[in-house]
Protein backbone atom coordinates (compact mmCIF):
# COMPACT_ATOMS: atom_id res chain seq x y z
CA ASP A 1 12.24 -26.01 -36.45
CA ASN A 2 13.80 -29.30 -37.61
CA ALA A 3 17.33 -28.24 -36.66
CA PRO A 4 19.75 -31.19 -36.69
CA GLU A 5 20.91 -32.92 -33.54
CA GLY A 6 24.02 -31.29 -32.14
CA THR A 7 22.96 -27.76 -33.02
CA VAL A 8 24.49 -25.30 -30.55
CA VAL A 9 23.26 -21.77 -29.94
CA ILE A 10 25.48 -19.40 -27.94
CA SER A 11 24.43 -15.89 -26.96
CA ASP A 12 26.57 -13.09 -25.63
CA ILE A 13 23.58 -11.76 -23.70
CA GLN A 14 20.13 -13.01 -22.73
CA THR A 15 17.44 -10.44 -22.06
CA ALA A 16 15.05 -13.01 -20.57
CA GLY A 17 17.32 -15.75 -19.26
CA ARG A 18 15.50 -18.38 -17.21
CA GLY A 19 16.55 -20.69 -14.45
CA ARG A 20 14.65 -23.54 -12.80
CA ARG A 21 10.98 -22.92 -11.97
CA GLY A 22 10.93 -19.80 -14.15
CA ARG A 23 13.41 -17.82 -12.08
CA THR A 24 15.39 -15.06 -13.78
CA TRP A 25 18.96 -15.94 -14.76
CA MET A 26 21.24 -12.92 -14.99
CA SER A 27 22.98 -13.05 -18.39
CA ALA A 28 24.96 -9.84 -18.81
CA PRO A 29 27.03 -9.34 -21.99
CA GLY A 30 30.72 -10.20 -22.09
CA LEU A 31 30.79 -12.09 -18.79
CA GLY A 32 29.43 -15.60 -19.14
CA ILE A 33 28.57 -18.50 -21.44
CA TRP A 34 24.87 -18.75 -22.25
CA MET A 35 24.49 -21.83 -24.41
CA SER A 36 21.82 -24.27 -25.59
CA VAL A 37 22.49 -27.67 -27.19
CA LEU A 38 19.86 -29.62 -29.14
CA LEU A 39 19.84 -33.42 -28.74
CA LYS A 40 17.52 -36.02 -30.22
CA PRO A 41 18.22 -39.19 -28.24
CA ASN A 42 16.35 -42.44 -28.69
CA LEU A 43 15.26 -42.48 -25.05
CA HIS A 44 12.15 -42.99 -22.98
CA PRO A 45 11.07 -39.72 -21.29
CA SER A 46 11.88 -41.24 -17.89
CA GLN A 47 15.58 -41.33 -18.87
CA VAL A 48 15.90 -37.59 -19.45
CA GLN A 49 16.83 -37.02 -15.79
CA THR A 50 19.93 -39.15 -16.42
CA LEU A 51 20.74 -36.94 -19.40
CA THR A 52 20.54 -33.99 -17.02
CA LEU A 53 23.12 -35.65 -14.77
CA ALA A 54 25.27 -36.40 -17.81
CA SER A 55 25.25 -32.71 -18.76
CA SER A 56 26.57 -31.70 -15.34
CA VAL A 57 29.31 -34.33 -15.62
CA ALA A 58 30.32 -32.92 -19.01
CA VAL A 59 30.48 -29.34 -17.74
CA ILE A 60 32.52 -30.21 -14.68
CA ARG A 61 34.93 -32.32 -16.75
CA ALA A 62 35.54 -29.26 -18.93
CA LEU A 63 36.17 -27.11 -15.86
CA GLU A 64 38.55 -29.55 -14.18
CA SER A 65 41.37 -28.56 -16.52
CA LEU A 66 41.15 -24.89 -15.51
CA ASP A 67 43.23 -23.24 -12.79
CA ILE A 68 40.32 -22.82 -10.36
CA GLU A 69 39.13 -24.15 -7.02
CA ILE A 70 37.79 -27.69 -7.26
CA PRO A 71 34.15 -27.62 -8.44
CA GLY A 72 31.44 -30.08 -7.44
CA ILE A 73 27.90 -31.01 -8.47
CA LYS A 74 24.89 -30.31 -6.26
CA TRP A 75 22.02 -32.65 -7.09
CA PRO A 76 20.88 -32.84 -9.71
CA ASN A 77 22.98 -30.58 -11.92
CA ASP A 78 24.12 -27.31 -10.33
CA ILE A 79 27.88 -26.70 -10.38
CA LEU A 80 29.24 -25.22 -7.16
CA ILE A 81 32.63 -23.81 -6.26
CA GLY A 82 33.27 -23.16 -2.59
CA GLY A 83 29.57 -23.72 -1.87
CA LYS A 84 28.49 -21.05 -4.36
CA LYS A 85 26.74 -21.57 -7.68
CA VAL A 86 28.83 -20.99 -10.80
CA CYS A 87 26.72 -22.85 -13.37
CA GLY A 88 23.09 -23.81 -13.82
CA ILE A 89 21.75 -26.37 -16.29
CA LEU A 90 18.14 -26.39 -17.47
CA THR A 91 16.75 -29.32 -19.47
CA GLU A 92 13.62 -28.92 -21.58
CA LEU A 93 12.08 -31.53 -23.86
CA SER A 94 9.30 -32.53 -26.16
CA ALA A 95 8.20 -36.14 -25.97
CA GLU A 96 5.50 -38.61 -26.86
CA ALA A 97 4.31 -41.24 -24.38
CA GLU A 98 7.20 -43.64 -25.03
CA LYS A 99 9.85 -41.63 -26.88
CA VAL A 100 11.69 -38.34 -26.60
CA GLU A 101 11.42 -36.11 -29.68
CA TRP A 102 14.07 -33.60 -28.68
CA VAL A 103 15.91 -32.27 -25.64
CA VAL A 104 17.46 -28.83 -25.22
CA ILE A 105 20.27 -28.59 -22.68
CA GLY A 106 20.55 -24.99 -21.51
CA ILE A 107 23.83 -24.09 -19.79
CA GLY A 108 24.49 -20.83 -17.98
CA LEU A 109 28.07 -20.44 -16.73
CA ASN A 110 29.40 -17.41 -14.86
CA VAL A 111 32.89 -16.87 -16.25
CA ASN A 112 34.39 -13.41 -15.83
CA HIS A 113 32.05 -11.82 -13.30
CA ASP A 114 33.45 -9.72 -10.49
CA HIS A 115 31.60 -9.66 -7.18
CA ASP A 116 29.84 -6.38 -8.05
CA ASP A 117 28.49 -7.83 -11.31
CA PHE A 118 25.96 -9.92 -9.38
CA PRO A 119 22.68 -8.43 -8.12
CA ASN A 120 22.54 -7.90 -4.38
CA ASP A 121 20.10 -10.75 -3.81
CA ILE A 122 22.51 -13.40 -5.14
CA LYS A 123 25.93 -11.93 -4.32
CA ASP A 124 26.36 -14.27 -1.37
CA ILE A 125 25.35 -17.46 -3.21
CA ALA A 126 26.84 -16.93 -6.70
CA THR A 127 30.39 -16.99 -7.97
CA SER A 128 32.31 -17.06 -11.25
CA LEU A 129 35.32 -18.85 -12.65
CA ARG A 130 37.32 -15.65 -12.38
CA LEU A 131 36.45 -15.19 -8.71
CA SER A 132 37.35 -18.84 -8.08
CA GLY A 133 40.56 -18.82 -10.09
CA ARG A 134 44.07 -18.97 -8.73
CA THR A 135 44.66 -15.61 -10.41
CA GLN A 136 42.24 -12.82 -11.22
CA GLU A 137 42.96 -12.92 -14.95
CA PRO A 138 39.90 -13.21 -17.22
CA PHE A 139 39.17 -16.55 -18.89
CA ASN A 140 38.74 -17.16 -22.60
CA ARG A 141 35.04 -17.88 -22.97
CA SER A 142 35.38 -19.37 -26.46
CA GLU A 143 37.90 -21.96 -25.29
CA ILE A 144 35.75 -22.93 -22.31
CA ALA A 145 32.61 -23.17 -24.45
CA ALA A 146 34.44 -25.40 -26.92
CA GLY A 147 35.64 -27.59 -24.06
CA ILE A 148 32.10 -27.98 -22.74
CA ILE A 149 30.75 -28.90 -26.17
CA ASN A 150 33.49 -31.49 -26.70
CA GLU A 151 32.92 -33.03 -23.27
CA LEU A 152 29.15 -33.01 -23.73
CA GLU A 153 29.47 -34.95 -26.97
CA ALA A 154 31.82 -37.49 -25.36
CA VAL A 155 29.64 -37.99 -22.27
CA TYR A 156 26.46 -38.17 -24.36
CA MET A 157 27.89 -40.88 -26.61
CA GLU A 158 29.13 -42.88 -23.61
CA PHE A 159 25.73 -42.57 -21.97
CA LEU A 160 24.02 -43.97 -25.07
CA GLU A 161 26.58 -46.79 -25.23
CA LYS A 162 27.01 -47.69 -21.54
CA GLY A 163 23.66 -46.72 -20.08
CA PRO A 164 22.49 -44.71 -17.05
CA GLY A 165 24.54 -46.65 -14.50
CA TRP A 166 27.75 -45.27 -15.98
CA VAL A 167 26.45 -41.70 -15.78
CA ALA A 168 25.42 -42.15 -12.15
CA GLU A 169 28.89 -43.38 -11.19
CA GLU A 170 30.61 -40.48 -12.99
CA TRP A 171 28.25 -38.06 -11.24
CA LYS A 172 28.97 -39.57 -7.83
CA LYS A 173 32.70 -39.01 -8.27
CA ARG A 174 32.12 -35.27 -8.51
CA ASN A 175 29.09 -34.61 -6.31
CA VAL A 176 28.89 -32.50 -3.14
CA THR A 177 25.45 -33.72 -2.04
CA LEU A 178 25.70 -37.35 -0.92
CA GLY A 179 26.42 -37.81 2.77
CA LYS A 180 25.11 -34.33 3.61
CA ARG A 181 22.09 -33.16 5.55
CA VAL A 182 19.65 -31.58 3.11
CA GLU A 183 16.37 -29.71 3.23
CA LEU A 184 13.79 -30.96 0.74
CA VAL A 185 11.64 -28.05 -0.39
CA SER A 186 8.22 -28.95 -1.79
CA GLN A 187 4.75 -27.45 -2.07
CA THR A 188 3.83 -29.01 1.27
CA GLY A 189 6.79 -27.56 3.17
CA VAL A 190 10.38 -28.31 4.11
CA THR A 191 11.62 -31.69 5.30
CA GLU A 192 15.11 -32.54 6.54
CA ALA A 193 16.86 -35.75 5.54
CA GLU A 194 20.26 -37.20 4.70
CA ALA A 195 21.23 -37.62 1.05
CA VAL A 196 22.59 -41.17 0.76
CA ASP A 197 22.70 -42.13 -2.94
CA ILE A 198 21.22 -41.67 -6.40
CA THR A 199 19.48 -44.20 -8.61
CA PRO A 200 20.66 -44.84 -12.19
CA ASP A 201 17.73 -42.77 -13.46
CA GLY A 202 18.83 -39.79 -11.37
CA ARG A 203 16.52 -39.92 -8.37
CA LEU A 204 18.01 -38.77 -5.07
CA ILE A 205 17.77 -41.39 -2.32
CA VAL A 206 17.33 -39.81 1.10
CA ARG A 207 17.03 -41.17 4.63
CA TYR A 208 14.53 -39.39 6.85
CA ASP A 209 15.05 -38.87 10.55
CA ASP A 210 12.60 -41.68 11.36
CA GLY A 211 14.81 -44.16 9.47
CA ARG A 212 12.67 -44.42 6.34
CA ASN A 213 14.27 -44.14 2.91
CA GLY A 214 12.66 -42.18 0.09
CA GLU A 215 13.37 -41.13 -3.47
CA VAL A 216 13.21 -37.58 -4.80
CA LEU A 217 12.78 -37.13 -8.56
CA SER A 218 12.64 -33.36 -8.81
CA GLY A 219 12.29 -30.24 -6.74
CA GLU A 220 14.68 -28.21 -4.65
CA ILE A 221 17.19 -29.19 -2.02
CA SER A 222 19.18 -27.00 0.29
CA LEU A 223 22.52 -28.28 1.55
CA ARG A 224 22.50 -27.67 5.27
CA ARG A 225 26.28 -27.29 5.41
CA THR A 226 26.36 -24.55 2.77
CA ASN A 227 22.88 -23.12 3.49
CA LEU A 228 22.26 -22.78 -0.24
CA THR A 229 18.90 -23.08 -1.95
CA VAL A 230 18.88 -23.01 -5.75
């Protein structure tokens, strides 16, 4: 509705929170950060995947100052701690053939959840900042949200100035995917490969068991070491 770029919407609860591929995202009140940021970049639609990577870099930079276990990024933009998902990022956009009109970066971060706050079907694959902290004290959600917004602005401006190659290098420094065996989940089935690199536009470069290299733009991967599918 013609909201200006940089508009941020934060909700204490979502009654119909969504993850990737329309999955439900649990968004109970008082526990997490459920936030959407509106951007209007002068980008070609093909560059939005890099903006997705940039968003994960911004979130993890905000978390690095906290007293928690070291987080990492699972391609393309899930934040993991100890192999469990603590944050999901969903990018939605409206675009013409050659230009993006707007992008909404949706960020769902589990902050003060205890183990019993998660539904049974995700208890073994989800975590929170509190569960991953050095102490069990609750975190200040407002301070963390502010940190994410500040980092997102900084990373976004650097992306526009320095280009996608800079984002890819920042992402690589914090990733937990490259060098791992992965399962590529698609409509045609599951294929195993090794994740070897990413392209500047955010595609995952994989090496199949027959020696061929391929590029994956979207879809699901499961890290064989952590046995996690998101």
